[in-house]
């Protein structure tokens, strides 16, 4: 059962005039000729439009390492750029209204994409993933998961089961009552405000939680209310926000809530891994965040905790 935080609040002038606290202006989208990137691109384009941002589309050839004398725009890049833009135009009606640039590189996809994100100070990375699970993931690994766990900025991932339009009207924010969730909530609020979307905060009390089940509901309501107040969002956003608390396996209940609520986007805080831990996690089946991405009917936005300088 969904519980409204507050009903029928007054709308203040401050609520109407206050801009979103998070700005997703610089968006990096990994592109190739595979269905995964074509599926992810409309979501990147939609966010760029709603935030008046610009897109950097990066095509990385994983089959050849760059030589020292080669530039990032090889002689074949013009033909490749026209092919990429033609492919993207087939899934997006109009690219002319979005400032965009196509970047070419060679080498390891994860390393190159993360380097670009850091050098260009990107606000968001958008990737598609095949959602490998089980033995296939163990043997091949997941480039998308490496990007997700190593990125210092949020990553929007589209898995193979995504069937939503690129318009966020219902946003599900999965929370843990943790610093990671505190950092993710402002992104969920900003997107809800920008897209005029309803927002569901879901807290799952599972067997790994140190929280007593009897405390789950009051703790969740208190946590969400505190975060809304801290972020400066007023009564209007509270009226569009609901809280749901559930008990059981976290992955299954997040997916169930996304289906039941017809969510267009899932937002999750992420405890970032580094180095070899991230590379290993990309091969291990059963990790919760990636399992959600692989099975979700909508994109998943993962927001990492800021790393210490």
Protein backbone atom coordinates (compact mmCIF):
# COMPACT_ATOMS: atom_id res chain seq x y z
CA UNK A 1 0.00 0.00 0.00
CA UNK A 2 1.32 3.46 -0.92
CA UNK A 3 1.17 6.14 1.75
CA UNK A 4 1.13 9.83 0.85
CA UNK A 5 3.52 11.93 2.91
CA UNK A 6 1.20 14.92 3.03
CA UNK A 7 -2.14 15.61 1.40
CA UNK A 8 -3.43 18.75 -0.35
CA UNK A 9 -0.64 21.16 0.64
CA UNK A 10 -0.73 24.83 -0.38
CA UNK A 11 1.38 25.83 -3.38
CA UNK A 12 3.73 28.68 -2.59
CA UNK A 13 5.42 31.13 -4.92
CA UNK A 14 8.79 29.73 -3.85
CA UNK A 15 7.71 26.26 -4.96
CA UNK A 16 6.78 27.59 -8.40
CA UNK A 17 9.95 29.62 -8.96
CA UNK A 18 12.62 27.39 -7.38
CA UNK A 19 14.70 25.61 -10.09
CA UNK A 20 15.80 21.97 -9.75
CA UNK A 21 18.86 21.63 -7.53
CA UNK A 22 20.54 19.13 -9.86
CA UNK A 23 21.43 20.13 -13.41
CA UNK A 24 22.12 17.39 -15.96
CA UNK A 25 23.60 19.60 -18.66
CA UNK A 26 26.49 17.54 -20.01
CA UNK A 27 25.48 14.04 -21.04
CA UNK A 28 27.84 11.38 -22.38
CA UNK A 29 26.17 8.57 -24.32
CA UNK A 30 28.08 5.48 -25.46
CA UNK A 31 27.02 4.61 -29.01
CA UNK A 32 27.66 1.77 -31.44
CA UNK A 33 25.60 -0.12 -33.98
CA UNK A 34 24.17 -2.58 -31.47
CA UNK A 35 20.55 -2.50 -30.24
CA UNK A 36 21.61 -1.65 -26.67
CA UNK A 37 22.98 1.81 -27.47
CA UNK A 38 20.13 2.56 -29.86
CA UNK A 39 17.70 1.75 -27.04
CA UNK A 40 19.59 3.97 -24.57
CA UNK A 41 19.94 6.98 -26.85
CA UNK A 42 16.33 8.31 -26.72
CA UNK A 43 16.60 8.56 -22.92
CA UNK A 44 19.84 10.55 -23.23
CA UNK A 45 18.18 12.82 -25.79
CA UNK A 46 15.11 13.31 -23.60
CA UNK A 47 17.18 14.36 -20.58
CA UNK A 48 19.25 16.73 -22.74
CA UNK A 49 16.05 18.38 -23.99
CA UNK A 50 14.46 18.72 -20.56
CA UNK A 51 17.61 20.21 -19.00
CA UNK A 52 18.60 22.30 -22.06
CA UNK A 53 21.82 20.31 -22.12
CA UNK A 54 24.15 18.96 -24.78
CA UNK A 55 25.06 15.42 -25.83
CA UNK A 56 28.49 13.96 -26.36
CA UNK A 57 28.14 10.72 -28.31
CA UNK A 58 31.23 8.54 -28.01
CA UNK A 59 31.96 5.68 -30.38
CA UNK A 60 34.80 3.43 -29.18
CA UNK A 61 36.29 0.72 -31.37
CA UNK A 62 37.14 -2.05 -28.89
CA UNK A 63 39.03 -4.19 -31.40
CA UNK A 64 42.12 -2.05 -31.84
CA UNK A 65 44.32 -0.13 -29.46
CA UNK A 66 45.23 3.45 -30.44
CA UNK A 67 48.73 4.01 -31.78
CA UNK A 68 50.72 6.95 -30.53
CA UNK A 69 50.66 8.78 -33.88
CA UNK A 70 46.92 8.32 -34.36
CA UNK A 71 44.42 11.00 -33.44
CA UNK A 72 41.00 10.50 -31.90
CA UNK A 73 39.44 11.21 -35.29
CA UNK A 74 40.82 8.60 -37.72
CA UNK A 75 40.31 8.95 -41.50
CA UNK A 76 37.22 6.73 -41.38
CA UNK A 77 35.49 8.87 -38.75
CA UNK A 78 33.44 10.94 -41.23
CA UNK A 79 31.83 7.84 -42.70
CA UNK A 80 31.32 6.36 -39.25
CA UNK A 81 29.82 9.59 -37.95
CA UNK A 82 27.26 9.70 -40.74
CA UNK A 83 26.40 6.06 -40.08
CA UNK A 84 25.99 6.69 -36.36
CA UNK A 85 23.81 9.75 -36.87
CA UNK A 86 21.69 7.89 -39.43
CA UNK A 87 21.23 5.00 -36.97
CA UNK A 88 20.32 7.37 -34.12
CA UNK A 89 17.90 9.28 -36.36
CA UNK A 90 15.98 6.05 -36.89
CA UNK A 91 15.12 5.94 -33.18
CA UNK A 92 14.90 9.70 -32.57
CA UNK A 93 12.71 11.97 -34.68
CA UNK A 94 14.93 15.03 -34.60
CA UNK A 95 18.53 15.58 -33.53
CA UNK A 96 18.75 19.16 -34.79
CA UNK A 97 17.27 20.66 -31.61
CA UNK A 98 19.94 19.09 -29.36
CA UNK A 99 23.53 20.40 -29.39
CA UNK A 100 25.63 17.30 -29.94
CA UNK A 101 29.10 16.12 -30.83
CA UNK A 102 30.44 12.73 -31.91
CA UNK A 103 33.78 11.57 -30.48
CA UNK A 104 35.76 8.59 -31.76
CA UNK A 105 38.35 6.50 -29.97
CA UNK A 106 39.90 3.03 -29.86
CA UNK A 107 40.68 0.69 -26.99
CA UNK A 108 38.99 -0.51 -23.81
CA UNK A 109 35.42 0.79 -23.81
CA UNK A 110 35.14 1.22 -20.05
CA UNK A 111 38.48 3.00 -19.62
CA UNK A 112 37.95 5.31 -22.57
CA UNK A 113 34.41 6.26 -21.63
CA UNK A 114 35.33 6.99 -18.01
CA UNK A 115 38.34 9.03 -19.11
CA UNK A 116 36.12 11.14 -21.36
CA UNK A 117 33.59 11.63 -18.57
CA UNK A 118 36.34 12.85 -16.25
CA UNK A 119 38.10 15.08 -18.79
CA UNK A 120 34.87 16.69 -20.00
CA UNK A 121 33.31 16.95 -16.50
CA UNK A 122 30.16 15.14 -17.60
CA UNK A 123 27.06 15.22 -15.41
CA UNK A 124 25.67 11.90 -16.63
CA UNK A 125 26.74 8.78 -18.56
CA UNK A 126 24.13 6.84 -20.53
CA UNK A 127 24.81 3.22 -21.55
CA UNK A 128 22.90 0.23 -22.83
CA UNK A 129 23.59 -3.26 -21.55
CA UNK A 130 22.75 -6.77 -22.69
CA UNK A 131 22.04 -7.69 -19.09
CA UNK A 132 24.23 -10.79 -19.00
CA UNK A 133 23.54 -12.99 -15.99
CA UNK A 134 24.64 -16.34 -14.62
CA UNK A 135 27.43 -18.19 -16.45
CA UNK A 136 27.42 -15.79 -19.41
CA UNK A 137 28.27 -12.92 -17.10
CA UNK A 138 30.86 -15.01 -15.26
CA UNK A 139 32.65 -15.82 -18.51
CA UNK A 140 32.29 -12.57 -20.45
CA UNK A 141 31.86 -9.93 -17.77
CA UNK A 142 29.80 -6.78 -18.17
CA UNK A 143 31.33 -3.59 -19.54
CA UNK A 144 28.25 -1.67 -18.45
CA UNK A 145 28.60 -2.82 -14.85
CA UNK A 146 32.28 -1.82 -14.81
CA UNK A 147 31.24 1.66 -15.96
CA UNK A 148 28.46 1.83 -13.37
CA UNK A 149 30.64 0.89 -10.40
CA UNK A 150 33.70 2.93 -11.46
CA UNK A 151 32.01 6.13 -12.66
CA UNK A 152 32.25 9.21 -10.45
CA UNK A 153 29.05 10.65 -11.95
CA UNK A 154 25.56 9.11 -12.21
CA UNK A 155 24.98 6.46 -14.88
CA UNK A 156 21.67 5.81 -16.64
CA UNK A 157 21.50 2.19 -17.84
CA UNK A 158 18.97 0.54 -20.12
CA UNK A 159 18.73 -3.24 -19.92
CA UNK A 160 17.31 -5.66 -22.49
CA UNK A 161 13.78 -5.63 -21.00
CA UNK A 162 13.21 -1.87 -21.13
CA UNK A 163 9.92 -1.15 -22.87
CA UNK A 164 9.15 2.38 -21.64
CA UNK A 165 9.01 5.60 -23.65
CA UNK A 166 11.65 8.24 -22.95
CA UNK A 167 9.34 10.29 -20.75
CA UNK A 168 9.56 9.98 -16.97
CA UNK A 169 6.08 10.35 -15.47
CA UNK A 170 6.47 7.84 -12.62
CA UNK A 171 9.81 7.57 -10.81
CA UNK A 172 10.68 4.86 -8.28
CA UNK A 173 13.50 5.75 -5.88
CA UNK A 174 14.81 2.68 -4.03
CA UNK A 175 16.30 3.81 -0.71
CA UNK A 176 18.35 2.20 2.06
CA UNK A 177 18.27 4.94 4.74
CA UNK A 178 21.99 5.40 4.05
CA UNK A 179 24.40 8.11 2.84
CA UNK A 180 24.22 6.57 -0.65
CA UNK A 181 20.46 7.11 -0.69
CA UNK A 182 20.83 10.63 0.69
CA UNK A 183 23.05 11.45 -2.28
CA UNK A 184 20.68 9.83 -4.81
CA UNK A 185 17.44 11.44 -3.61
CA UNK A 186 18.22 14.96 -4.97
CA UNK A 187 18.56 13.43 -8.46
CA UNK A 188 15.20 11.70 -8.12
CA UNK A 189 13.64 14.95 -6.91
CA UNK A 190 15.17 16.98 -9.72
CA UNK A 191 13.96 14.56 -12.39
CA UNK A 192 10.50 14.41 -10.83
CA UNK A 193 10.35 18.19 -10.79
CA UNK A 194 11.72 18.62 -14.31
CA UNK A 195 9.41 15.99 -15.82
CA UNK A 196 6.45 16.84 -13.54
CA UNK A 197 6.51 13.20 -12.42
CA UNK A 198 5.11 11.39 -9.40
CA UNK A 199 7.72 9.90 -7.08
CA UNK A 200 7.63 6.69 -5.04
CA UNK A 201 10.21 6.09 -2.32
CA UNK A 202 10.62 2.34 -1.74
CA UNK A 203 12.47 0.92 1.25
CA UNK A 204 12.90 -2.85 1.44
CA UNK A 205 13.73 -4.38 4.80
CA UNK A 206 15.50 -7.60 3.85
CA UNK A 207 17.39 -10.31 5.72
CA UNK A 208 20.71 -8.43 5.50
CA UNK A 209 19.32 -5.33 7.22
CA UNK A 210 20.36 -4.36 10.73
CA UNK A 211 17.04 -2.57 11.11
CA UNK A 212 14.28 -4.21 13.10
CA UNK A 213 11.20 -4.80 10.93
CA UNK A 214 9.01 -2.99 13.45
CA UNK A 215 11.14 0.14 12.97
CA UNK A 216 11.15 0.04 9.16
CA UNK A 217 8.02 2.07 8.47
CA UNK A 218 8.49 4.95 10.95
CA UNK A 219 12.21 5.15 10.11
CA UNK A 220 11.46 5.34 6.39
CA UNK A 221 8.81 8.05 6.72
CA UNK A 222 11.12 10.08 8.93
CA UNK A 223 14.09 9.61 6.58
CA UNK A 224 12.15 10.67 3.47
CA UNK A 225 10.60 13.69 5.17
CA UNK A 226 14.03 14.78 6.43
CA UNK A 227 15.57 14.46 2.95
CA UNK A 228 12.78 16.47 1.34
CA UNK A 229 13.21 19.22 3.90
CA UNK A 230 17.00 19.16 3.60
CA UNK A 231 16.86 19.46 -0.19
CA UNK A 232 14.58 22.48 0.01
CA UNK A 233 11.67 20.87 -1.81
CA UNK A 234 8.39 22.22 -0.56
CA UNK A 235 4.83 21.01 -0.20
CA UNK A 236 4.23 20.64 -3.94
CA UNK A 237 6.80 17.87 -4.26
CA UNK A 238 5.63 16.22 -1.05
CA UNK A 239 2.14 16.03 -2.55
CA UNK A 240 3.52 14.07 -5.51
CA UNK A 241 5.65 11.81 -3.29
CA UNK A 242 4.63 8.51 -1.74
CA UNK A 243 6.39 6.07 0.56
CA UNK A 244 6.25 2.30 0.34
CA UNK A 245 7.90 -0.10 2.78
CA UNK A 246 8.20 -3.79 2.01
CA UNK A 247 9.80 -6.84 3.60
CA UNK A 248 11.70 -9.58 1.77
CA UNK A 249 14.25 -10.03 -1.04
CA UNK A 250 15.30 -6.58 -2.21
CA UNK A 251 15.89 -7.23 -5.93
CA UNK A 252 12.58 -8.99 -6.46
CA UNK A 253 10.59 -6.39 -4.54
CA UNK A 254 12.17 -3.44 -6.37
CA UNK A 255 11.33 -5.06 -9.70
CA UNK A 256 7.82 -5.92 -8.51
CA UNK A 257 7.25 -2.32 -7.39
CA UNK A 258 8.53 -0.99 -10.72
CA UNK A 259 6.09 -3.21 -12.61
CA UNK A 260 3.12 -2.57 -10.31
CA UNK A 261 3.61 1.20 -10.35
CA UNK A 262 4.41 1.26 -14.09
CA UNK A 263 7.59 3.17 -13.25
CA UNK A 264 9.38 4.93 -16.10
CA UNK A 265 12.64 5.20 -14.15
CA UNK A 266 14.31 3.61 -11.11
CA UNK A 267 16.80 5.67 -9.10
CA UNK A 268 19.26 3.98 -6.74
CA UNK A 269 22.18 5.12 -4.62
CA UNK A 270 25.40 3.22 -5.21
CA UNK A 271 28.31 2.33 -2.95
CA UNK A 272 31.15 2.79 -5.45
CA UNK A 273 33.84 0.17 -5.90
CA UNK A 274 37.34 0.91 -7.13
CA UNK A 275 40.06 -0.82 -9.10
CA UNK A 276 40.16 -4.59 -9.08
CA UNK A 277 37.00 -4.86 -6.93
CA UNK A 278 34.98 -3.23 -9.70
CA UNK A 279 36.55 -5.41 -12.40
CA UNK A 280 35.78 -8.55 -10.39
CA UNK A 281 32.20 -7.47 -9.64
CA UNK A 282 31.53 -7.19 -13.36
CA UNK A 283 31.97 -10.97 -13.62
CA UNK A 284 30.12 -12.08 -10.47
CA UNK A 285 26.51 -13.21 -10.97
CA UNK A 286 23.85 -12.15 -8.50
CA UNK A 287 24.93 -8.61 -7.55
CA UNK A 288 21.76 -6.73 -6.61
CA UNK A 289 22.10 -3.45 -8.53
CA UNK A 290 23.02 -5.08 -11.81
CA UNK A 291 20.33 -7.73 -11.40
CA UNK A 292 17.78 -4.91 -11.15
CA UNK A 293 19.19 -3.24 -14.28
CA UNK A 294 19.22 -6.53 -16.22
CA UNK A 295 15.56 -7.26 -15.45
CA UNK A 296 13.93 -3.84 -15.08
CA UNK A 297 11.21 -2.74 -17.53
CA UNK A 298 12.58 0.82 -17.35
CA UNK A 299 15.99 2.53 -17.22
CA UNK A 300 17.90 2.59 -13.94
CA UNK A 301 19.81 5.66 -12.73
CA UNK A 302 22.64 4.76 -10.33
CA UNK A 303 24.13 7.62 -8.30
CA UNK A 304 27.54 7.01 -6.68
CA UNK A 305 28.74 8.53 -3.45
CA UNK A 306 31.33 11.25 -4.01
CA UNK A 307 34.85 9.91 -3.73
CA UNK A 308 37.36 11.46 -1.40
CA UNK A 309 39.78 13.76 -3.19
